[in-house]
Amino acid sequence: MLPQEKALRLAAAGMLPAYIYDLDDLRRHAGVVIGAVNGAAQVLYAVKANPDARVLRALAPFVDGFEVASGGELAFVRKLLPQAWVAFSGPGKTDADLRLALELGVERVHVESPGELTRIARIARGRPVDILLRANLRPPAVNGQTTTVTPFGMDEPTLEACLPILRAAPRIRVRGIHSHLAWGLPAPAMAEVAAYVVTWASSWLNRHLPGVEHPEIDLGGGMLVDYADPDSRFDWAAYGAALAALRSPGPLRIEPGRSLSAYQGWYVTDVLDIKTSHGQCFAVLRGGTQHLRTPVARGHDQPFTVIRPTGRTPAYSGTITLVGQLCTPKDVFARDVSVTGLSPGDLIVFGLAGAYAWNLSHHQFLMHPEPTFHYLDREGAS
């Protein structure tokens, strides 16, 4: 629900720009997701989506653990939630990262390459390490999309190159396969990808690593969050049912991030100026994409709501582009959008800002003030 009253209070107190996270609704949404999955898969929250400490604490009672993608994320989660189950992903793990993973005792390391596996064996020095091999597959086109070549994980020949390394390091224990192939797919398409991965992983493990009992298959994340239709939600009930119907040889695991926390965050700012240049109208907002880089990074218009404080006189109606304070033409929140009666001093509340937002942004560019952070939380301070 739009935090209108909170936004108005922050504006009156001179505390804009601001992020607002609704932790009460985050808990409710997490409960809905876990209920829909209903044990068909373990659920790890992808910390990269939003590592805010209070967000992680709010999610911890609901999820089965956390997926981290750097030594920094790992150290942060271990300090914040020492007992949390953690999987360590990422394509560029350094020796220091791997040593930290062993020191802090992560439950799974997702191995990206034969070279990384060799380094793990060297650093572990005979200590046990539980791993998933990350597979980079090329499934048939799903939802009209074909899979592009990425630097993540290993194709089949590269996976097979890991086998002699594993034979020489018996204390490195393969627990299964990780394969995150999807980004921004609706539930039916995600179910197709999941079925493809489970079938492929089961066959590959049977052929090459038949000694792995009850192998785990981690399907990653990528559940659709539709910025063009912010009221729509990923169909968790359908996806949960599809996961339950899969004939997996062992436990399934998923790693939602954006689809868990995006809906419960807002970036609130105000209109500083409205001007026209070469026939195009611009609203210049306090802050910018150094706070909310999501729209320029993804190439979309960030959904927003206008709040007009009492006493403001409506000024501009028509098509307008919402920009920030940065000295770059890429500092755009939404382009050629329709507004009615927009005036300097009006508040702009950008939705779907609870994931890949503040933590994705280039905070120090031009050294404008950072946003303030606020929480709607019955269990703590609001």
Protein backbone atom coordinates (compact mmCIF):
# COMPACT_ATOMS: atom_id res chain seq x y z
CA MET A 1 0.00 0.00 0.00
CA LEU A 2 1.31 3.45 -0.92
CA PRO A 3 2.86 5.05 2.22
CA GLN A 4 1.26 8.44 1.50
CA GLU A 5 1.07 9.75 5.06
CA LYS A 6 4.66 8.73 5.76
CA ALA A 7 5.83 10.44 2.57
CA LEU A 8 4.07 13.68 3.48
CA ARG A 9 5.58 13.67 6.99
CA LEU A 10 9.06 13.14 5.58
CA ALA A 11 8.58 16.00 3.13
CA ALA A 12 7.38 18.32 5.89
CA ALA A 13 10.43 17.40 7.96
CA GLY A 14 12.83 18.12 5.07
CA MET A 15 13.94 14.47 4.88
CA LEU A 16 13.67 13.89 1.14
CA PRO A 17 14.76 12.03 -0.87
CA ALA A 18 13.88 8.98 1.19
CA TYR A 19 13.48 5.26 0.93
CA ILE A 20 10.56 3.67 2.72
CA TYR A 21 10.43 -0.08 3.31
CA ASP A 22 7.21 -1.70 4.52
CA LEU A 23 8.51 -4.59 6.61
CA ASP A 24 5.03 -5.60 7.75
CA ASP A 25 3.93 -6.16 4.15
CA LEU A 26 7.26 -7.81 3.35
CA ARG A 27 6.58 -10.41 6.04
CA ARG A 28 3.05 -10.92 4.73
CA HIS A 29 4.29 -11.36 1.16
CA ALA A 30 7.06 -13.73 2.23
CA GLY A 31 4.48 -15.83 4.05
CA VAL A 32 2.35 -16.00 0.90
CA VAL A 33 5.35 -17.11 -1.17
CA ILE A 34 6.46 -19.76 1.31
CA GLY A 35 2.88 -21.02 1.61
CA ALA A 36 2.54 -21.29 -2.16
CA VAL A 37 5.83 -23.17 -2.55
CA ASN A 38 4.63 -25.38 0.32
CA GLY A 39 7.84 -27.33 0.74
CA ALA A 40 8.25 -28.19 -2.94
CA ALA A 41 11.57 -26.32 -2.85
CA GLN A 42 13.82 -24.65 -0.33
CA VAL A 43 13.69 -20.86 -0.65
CA LEU A 44 16.87 -18.78 -0.39
CA TYR A 45 16.63 -14.99 -0.55
CA ALA A 46 19.12 -13.51 -3.02
CA VAL A 47 20.86 -10.90 -0.87
CA LYS A 48 22.03 -8.95 -3.93
CA ALA A 49 18.43 -7.79 -4.44
CA ASN A 50 18.43 -5.74 -1.23
CA PRO A 51 20.92 -6.32 1.61
CA ASP A 52 19.32 -3.83 4.01
CA ALA A 53 19.78 -5.29 7.48
CA ARG A 54 16.17 -4.82 8.55
CA VAL A 55 14.93 -6.36 5.31
CA LEU A 56 17.11 -9.44 5.91
CA ARG A 57 15.96 -9.74 9.51
CA ALA A 58 12.33 -9.49 8.44
CA LEU A 59 12.77 -12.26 5.87
CA ALA A 60 14.88 -14.59 8.01
CA PRO A 61 11.99 -16.36 9.81
CA PHE A 62 10.34 -17.19 6.47
CA VAL A 63 13.09 -18.25 4.09
CA ASP A 64 15.28 -21.35 4.35
CA GLY A 65 18.45 -19.31 3.98
CA PHE A 66 20.29 -16.74 1.91
CA GLU A 67 22.26 -16.70 -1.34
CA VAL A 68 25.27 -14.37 -1.34
CA ALA A 69 27.45 -13.41 -4.29
CA SER A 70 30.56 -11.87 -2.73
CA GLY A 71 32.79 -12.09 0.29
CA GLY A 72 31.32 -8.79 1.45
CA GLU A 73 27.76 -10.10 1.35
CA LEU A 74 28.88 -13.29 3.07
CA ALA A 75 30.58 -11.47 5.94
CA PHE A 76 27.59 -9.14 6.34
CA VAL A 77 25.03 -11.95 6.51
CA ARG A 78 27.13 -14.09 8.84
CA LYS A 79 27.52 -11.16 11.25
CA LEU A 80 23.86 -10.15 11.05
CA LEU A 81 22.36 -13.67 11.09
CA PRO A 82 25.05 -16.04 12.36
CA GLN A 83 22.86 -19.15 12.22
CA ALA A 84 21.51 -18.59 8.71
CA TRP A 85 21.96 -21.24 6.01
CA VAL A 86 24.10 -19.66 3.27
CA ALA A 87 24.97 -20.54 -0.32
CA PHE A 88 27.90 -18.67 -1.90
CA SER A 89 27.55 -17.84 -5.61
CA GLY A 90 29.32 -15.44 -7.96
CA PRO A 91 31.54 -15.70 -11.05
CA GLY A 92 34.66 -14.01 -9.69
CA LYS A 93 35.44 -15.47 -6.28
CA THR A 94 38.92 -14.52 -5.12
CA ASP A 95 41.16 -16.68 -2.96
CA ALA A 96 40.27 -14.37 -0.07
CA ASP A 97 36.56 -14.98 -0.73
CA LEU A 98 37.07 -18.74 -0.74
CA ARG A 99 39.13 -18.66 2.45
CA LEU A 100 36.36 -16.61 4.08
CA ALA A 101 33.77 -19.15 2.94
CA LEU A 102 35.74 -21.92 4.62
CA GLU A 103 36.38 -19.84 7.74
CA LEU A 104 32.72 -18.85 8.15
CA GLY A 105 31.40 -22.25 7.16
CA VAL A 106 29.02 -21.65 4.29
CA GLU A 107 26.69 -24.55 3.59
CA ARG A 108 27.21 -24.58 -0.19
CA VAL A 109 29.69 -23.08 -2.64
CA HIS A 110 28.42 -22.77 -6.22
CA VAL A 111 31.45 -23.58 -8.36
CA GLU A 112 31.83 -21.56 -11.55
CA SER A 113 34.76 -23.19 -13.35
CA PRO A 114 37.44 -25.89 -13.22
CA GLY A 115 39.90 -23.17 -12.24
CA GLU A 116 37.76 -22.13 -9.28
CA LEU A 117 37.36 -25.77 -8.27
CA THR A 118 41.14 -26.25 -8.37
CA ARG A 119 41.61 -23.20 -6.13
CA ILE A 120 38.98 -24.50 -3.68
CA ALA A 121 40.82 -27.81 -3.44
CA ARG A 122 44.13 -26.04 -2.83
CA ILE A 123 42.73 -23.63 -0.22
CA ALA A 124 40.68 -26.30 1.58
CA ARG A 125 43.76 -28.50 2.15
CA GLY A 126 41.72 -31.59 2.73
CA ARG A 127 38.94 -29.95 4.71
CA PRO A 128 35.43 -30.94 3.57
CA VAL A 129 33.63 -28.50 1.27
CA ASP A 130 30.07 -29.01 0.00
CA ILE A 131 29.56 -27.67 -3.52
CA LEU A 132 27.09 -27.39 -6.36
CA LEU A 133 28.46 -27.30 -9.89
CA ARG A 134 26.97 -24.36 -11.76
CA ALA A 135 25.74 -25.39 -15.20
CA ASN A 136 25.37 -22.91 -18.05
CA LEU A 137 22.71 -24.50 -20.25
CA ARG A 138 21.06 -23.46 -23.50
CA PRO A 139 17.42 -24.54 -23.20
CA PRO A 140 14.96 -24.11 -26.07
CA ALA A 141 13.31 -20.71 -26.43
CA VAL A 142 10.93 -20.06 -23.54
CA ASN A 143 8.30 -17.31 -23.51
CA GLY A 144 9.69 -16.12 -26.85
CA GLN A 145 13.16 -15.63 -25.34
CA THR A 146 16.34 -17.49 -26.21
CA THR A 147 19.11 -17.90 -23.69
CA THR A 148 22.11 -15.67 -24.35
CA VAL A 149 25.69 -16.74 -23.68
CA THR A 150 26.81 -15.47 -20.27
CA PRO A 151 30.04 -15.79 -18.26
CA PHE A 152 28.22 -17.67 -15.49
CA GLY A 153 28.79 -21.35 -14.83
CA MET A 154 29.96 -24.09 -17.18
CA ASP A 155 28.77 -25.74 -20.36
CA GLU A 156 28.83 -29.56 -20.57
CA PRO A 157 32.43 -29.97 -21.77
CA THR A 158 33.65 -27.61 -19.05
CA LEU A 159 31.62 -29.46 -16.41
CA GLU A 160 33.26 -32.69 -17.50
CA ALA A 161 36.66 -31.05 -17.05
CA CYS A 162 35.82 -30.83 -13.33
CA LEU A 163 35.58 -34.60 -12.95
CA PRO A 164 39.30 -35.41 -12.68
CA ILE A 165 39.74 -32.53 -10.21
CA LEU A 166 36.99 -34.00 -8.05
CA ARG A 167 38.53 -37.47 -8.19
CA ALA A 168 41.79 -36.02 -6.89
CA ALA A 169 40.03 -34.13 -4.07
CA PRO A 170 37.58 -36.55 -2.40
CA ARG A 171 36.83 -34.15 0.46
CA ILE A 172 35.17 -31.79 -1.99
CA ARG A 173 31.66 -33.18 -1.96
CA VAL A 174 29.38 -32.54 -4.92
CA ARG A 175 25.84 -32.14 -3.60
CA GLY A 176 24.21 -31.35 -6.94
CA ILE A 177 23.74 -28.80 -9.70
CA HIS A 178 23.03 -25.08 -9.74
CA SER A 179 21.63 -23.51 -12.90
CA HIS A 180 20.17 -20.01 -12.86
CA LEU A 181 18.94 -19.50 -16.43
CA ALA A 182 15.96 -17.17 -16.22
CA TRP A 183 15.53 -13.43 -15.77
CA GLY A 184 12.08 -11.85 -15.66
CA LEU A 185 9.89 -14.78 -16.67
CA PRO A 186 6.26 -15.35 -15.66
CA ALA A 187 5.32 -18.52 -13.77
CA PRO A 188 4.44 -20.77 -16.76
CA ALA A 189 7.75 -20.00 -18.49
CA MET A 190 9.68 -20.40 -15.23
CA ALA A 191 8.06 -23.81 -14.81
CA GLU A 192 9.25 -24.82 -18.29
CA VAL A 193 12.80 -23.79 -17.44
CA ALA A 194 12.64 -25.66 -14.13
CA ALA A 195 11.47 -28.85 -15.84
CA TYR A 196 14.26 -28.58 -18.40
CA VAL A 197 16.95 -28.08 -15.74
CA VAL A 198 15.71 -30.94 -13.54
CA THR A 199 15.60 -33.35 -16.47
CA TRP A 200 19.05 -32.34 -17.71
CA ALA A 201 20.67 -32.28 -14.25
CA SER A 202 19.27 -35.70 -13.32
CA SER A 203 20.63 -37.22 -16.53
CA TRP A 204 24.05 -35.56 -16.28
CA LEU A 205 24.56 -36.57 -12.65
CA ASN A 206 23.47 -40.16 -13.37
CA ARG A 207 26.04 -40.37 -16.17
CA HIS A 208 28.97 -38.60 -14.56
CA LEU A 209 28.47 -38.56 -10.78
CA PRO A 210 26.21 -41.50 -9.96
CA GLY A 211 27.47 -41.59 -6.37
CA VAL A 212 25.72 -38.34 -5.46
CA GLU A 213 22.74 -39.42 -3.38
CA HIS A 214 19.55 -37.36 -3.45
CA PRO A 215 21.23 -34.61 -5.50
CA GLU A 216 20.17 -31.05 -4.92
CA ILE A 217 19.07 -28.98 -7.90
CA ASP A 218 19.14 -25.21 -7.45
CA LEU A 219 16.99 -23.43 -10.05
CA GLY A 220 18.04 -19.89 -9.13
CA GLY A 221 15.70 -16.92 -9.35
CA GLY A 222 14.46 -14.69 -12.15
CA MET A 223 10.76 -14.52 -11.28
CA LEU A 224 9.01 -11.72 -13.17
CA VAL A 225 8.52 -8.31 -11.60
CA ASP A 226 6.69 -6.23 -14.21
CA TYR A 227 7.64 -2.56 -13.94
CA ALA A 228 5.11 -1.68 -16.65
CA ASP A 229 2.31 -3.26 -14.59
CA PRO A 230 3.26 -2.76 -10.93
CA ASP A 231 -0.02 -4.18 -9.61
CA SER A 232 0.64 -7.59 -11.19
CA ARG A 233 2.42 -10.29 -9.23
CA PHE A 234 4.28 -13.46 -10.12
CA ASP A 235 1.90 -16.44 -9.83
CA TRP A 236 3.54 -18.21 -6.91
CA ALA A 237 0.69 -20.68 -6.52
CA ALA A 238 1.11 -21.90 -10.09
CA TYR A 239 4.88 -22.06 -9.82
CA GLY A 240 4.71 -23.89 -6.50
CA ALA A 241 2.37 -26.46 -8.02
CA ALA A 242 4.71 -26.88 -10.99
CA LEU A 243 7.68 -27.45 -8.69
CA ALA A 244 5.72 -30.02 -6.69
CA ALA A 245 4.95 -31.93 -9.90
CA LEU A 246 8.60 -32.22 -10.97
CA ARG A 247 10.22 -35.61 -10.60
CA SER A 248 13.42 -34.41 -9.01
CA PRO A 249 15.93 -36.97 -7.69
CA GLY A 250 16.52 -34.84 -4.61
CA PRO A 251 15.74 -31.48 -2.97
CA LEU A 252 14.93 -28.50 -5.15
CA ARG A 253 16.02 -24.98 -4.28
CA ILE A 254 15.06 -21.55 -5.62
CA GLU A 255 16.62 -18.11 -5.08
CA PRO A 256 14.06 -15.31 -5.43
CA GLY A 257 15.29 -11.80 -4.75
CA ARG A 258 13.47 -9.03 -6.62
CA SER A 259 10.18 -10.94 -6.52
CA LEU A 260 10.32 -11.08 -2.71
CA SER A 261 11.32 -7.53 -1.79
CA ALA A 262 10.67 -5.18 -4.75
CA TYR A 263 7.03 -4.45 -3.92
CA GLN A 264 7.67 -3.29 -0.37
CA GLY A 265 10.02 -0.41 -1.17
CA TRP A 266 9.46 3.18 -2.40
CA TYR A 267 11.79 6.03 -3.31
CA VAL A 268 10.18 9.34 -2.37
CA THR A 269 11.32 12.71 -3.66
CA ASP A 270 9.88 16.05 -4.74
CA VAL A 271 9.71 18.22 -7.85
CA LEU A 272 12.25 21.05 -7.85
CA ASP A 273 11.50 22.57 -11.25
CA ILE A 274 9.43 22.14 -14.41
CA LYS A 275 10.79 23.44 -17.68
CA THR A 276 10.49 23.06 -21.44
CA SER A 277 13.40 22.63 -23.86
CA HIS A 278 12.97 22.24 -27.64
CA GLY A 279 9.34 21.39 -27.14
CA GLN A 280 9.96 18.69 -24.53
CA CYS A 281 8.88 19.15 -20.91
CA PHE A 282 11.05 18.03 -18.01
CA ALA A 283 10.37 17.75 -14.28
CA VAL A 284 13.62 18.03 -12.35
CA LEU A 285 13.44 16.01 -9.13
CA ARG A 286 15.53 16.15 -6.00
CA GLY A 287 17.98 13.24 -5.99
CA GLY A 288 18.49 11.14 -9.08
CA THR A 289 19.60 7.82 -10.44
CA GLN A 290 22.59 7.89 -8.10
CA HIS A 291 19.91 6.90 -5.58
CA LEU A 292 17.63 4.82 -7.84
CA ARG A 293 19.57 3.48 -10.80
CA THR A 294 17.01 0.78 -11.61
CA PRO A 295 15.22 2.51 -14.53
CA VAL A 296 18.36 3.52 -16.40
CA ALA A 297 20.03 0.16 -15.71
CA ARG A 298 17.05 -1.81 -17.01
CA GLY A 299 15.87 0.67 -19.64
CA HIS A 300 12.34 1.12 -18.34
CA ASP A 301 10.14 3.80 -16.83
CA GLN A 302 9.97 3.49 -13.06
CA PRO A 303 6.31 3.38 -11.95
CA PHE A 304 5.32 6.35 -9.80
CA THR A 305 2.50 8.12 -8.03
CA VAL A 306 2.14 11.90 -7.57
CA ILE A 307 1.17 13.22 -4.14
CA ARG A 308 0.15 16.87 -4.01
CA PRO A 309 0.59 18.51 -0.60
CA THR A 310 -2.38 20.55 0.59
CA GLY A 311 -2.45 24.05 -0.87
CA ARG A 312 -0.41 23.36 -3.99
CA THR A 313 -1.79 24.83 -7.21
CA PRO A 314 -1.82 22.41 -10.17
CA ALA A 315 0.46 23.66 -12.94
CA TYR A 316 1.45 21.33 -15.77
CA SER A 317 -0.64 18.66 -17.45
CA GLY A 318 0.55 16.59 -20.36
CA THR A 319 3.58 14.51 -21.33
CA ILE A 320 6.71 14.98 -19.27
CA THR A 321 10.06 13.32 -18.56
CA LEU A 322 11.11 12.88 -14.94
CA VAL A 323 14.83 13.51 -14.39
CA GLY A 324 17.17 13.97 -11.45
CA GLN A 325 19.87 16.45 -10.47
CA LEU A 326 22.82 14.75 -12.19
CA CYS A 327 24.84 16.29 -15.01
CA THR A 328 24.13 13.47 -17.45
CA PRO A 329 21.28 12.96 -19.93
CA LYS A 330 20.98 9.39 -18.63
CA ASP A 331 19.64 10.61 -15.28
CA VAL A 332 16.06 9.67 -16.21
CA PHE A 333 13.44 8.00 -14.02
CA ALA A 334 10.60 7.92 -16.56
CA ARG A 335 10.38 9.27 -20.08
CA ASP A 336 7.38 10.87 -21.84
CA VAL A 337 4.83 9.95 -19.18
CA SER A 338 1.46 11.61 -18.64
CA VAL A 339 0.76 13.78 -15.60
CA THR A 340 -2.11 15.98 -14.53
CA GLY A 341 -1.50 19.27 -12.72
CA LEU A 342 2.13 18.63 -11.74
CA SER A 343 3.77 21.46 -9.77
CA PRO A 344 7.10 22.18 -8.06
CA GLY A 345 6.81 20.89 -4.51
CA ASP A 346 4.67 17.89 -5.46
CA LEU A 347 5.94 14.54 -4.22
CA ILE A 348 6.88 11.73 -6.58
CA VAL A 349 6.72 8.27 -5.03
CA PHE A 350 8.47 5.64 -7.15
CA GLY A 351 7.24 2.11 -6.53
CA LEU A 352 8.98 -1.26 -6.93
CA ALA A 353 12.04 0.22 -5.24
CA GLY A 354 12.60 -2.54 -2.70
CA ALA A 355 15.12 -4.43 -4.84
CA TYR A 356 18.09 -3.53 -7.06
CA ALA A 357 17.56 0.11 -6.21
CA TRP A 358 19.71 1.92 -3.65
CA ASN A 359 22.29 -0.89 -3.53
CA LEU A 360 22.56 -0.88 -7.35
CA SER A 361 23.24 2.85 -7.59
CA HIS A 362 26.38 4.98 -8.00
CA HIS A 363 26.05 6.84 -4.72
CA GLN A 364 28.98 9.24 -4.86
CA PHE A 365 28.44 10.75 -8.31
CA LEU A 366 28.21 14.57 -7.83
CA MET A 367 28.14 14.08 -4.03
CA HIS A 368 24.52 15.07 -3.53
CA PRO A 369 23.12 14.15 -0.09
CA GLU A 370 22.21 10.52 0.38
CA PRO A 371 18.56 9.59 0.92
CA THR A 372 17.18 8.89 4.37
CA PHE A 373 15.81 5.45 5.20
CA HIS A 374 12.57 4.67 7.00
CA TYR A 375 10.62 1.54 7.88
CA LEU A 376 7.00 0.62 8.47
CA ASP A 377 7.36 -2.03 11.12
CA ARG A 378 4.99 -2.94 13.94
CA GLU A 379 7.77 -5.01 15.52
CA GLY A 380 10.17 -2.07 15.72
CA ALA A 381 10.46 1.66 15.14
CA SER A 382 8.58 2.93 12.11
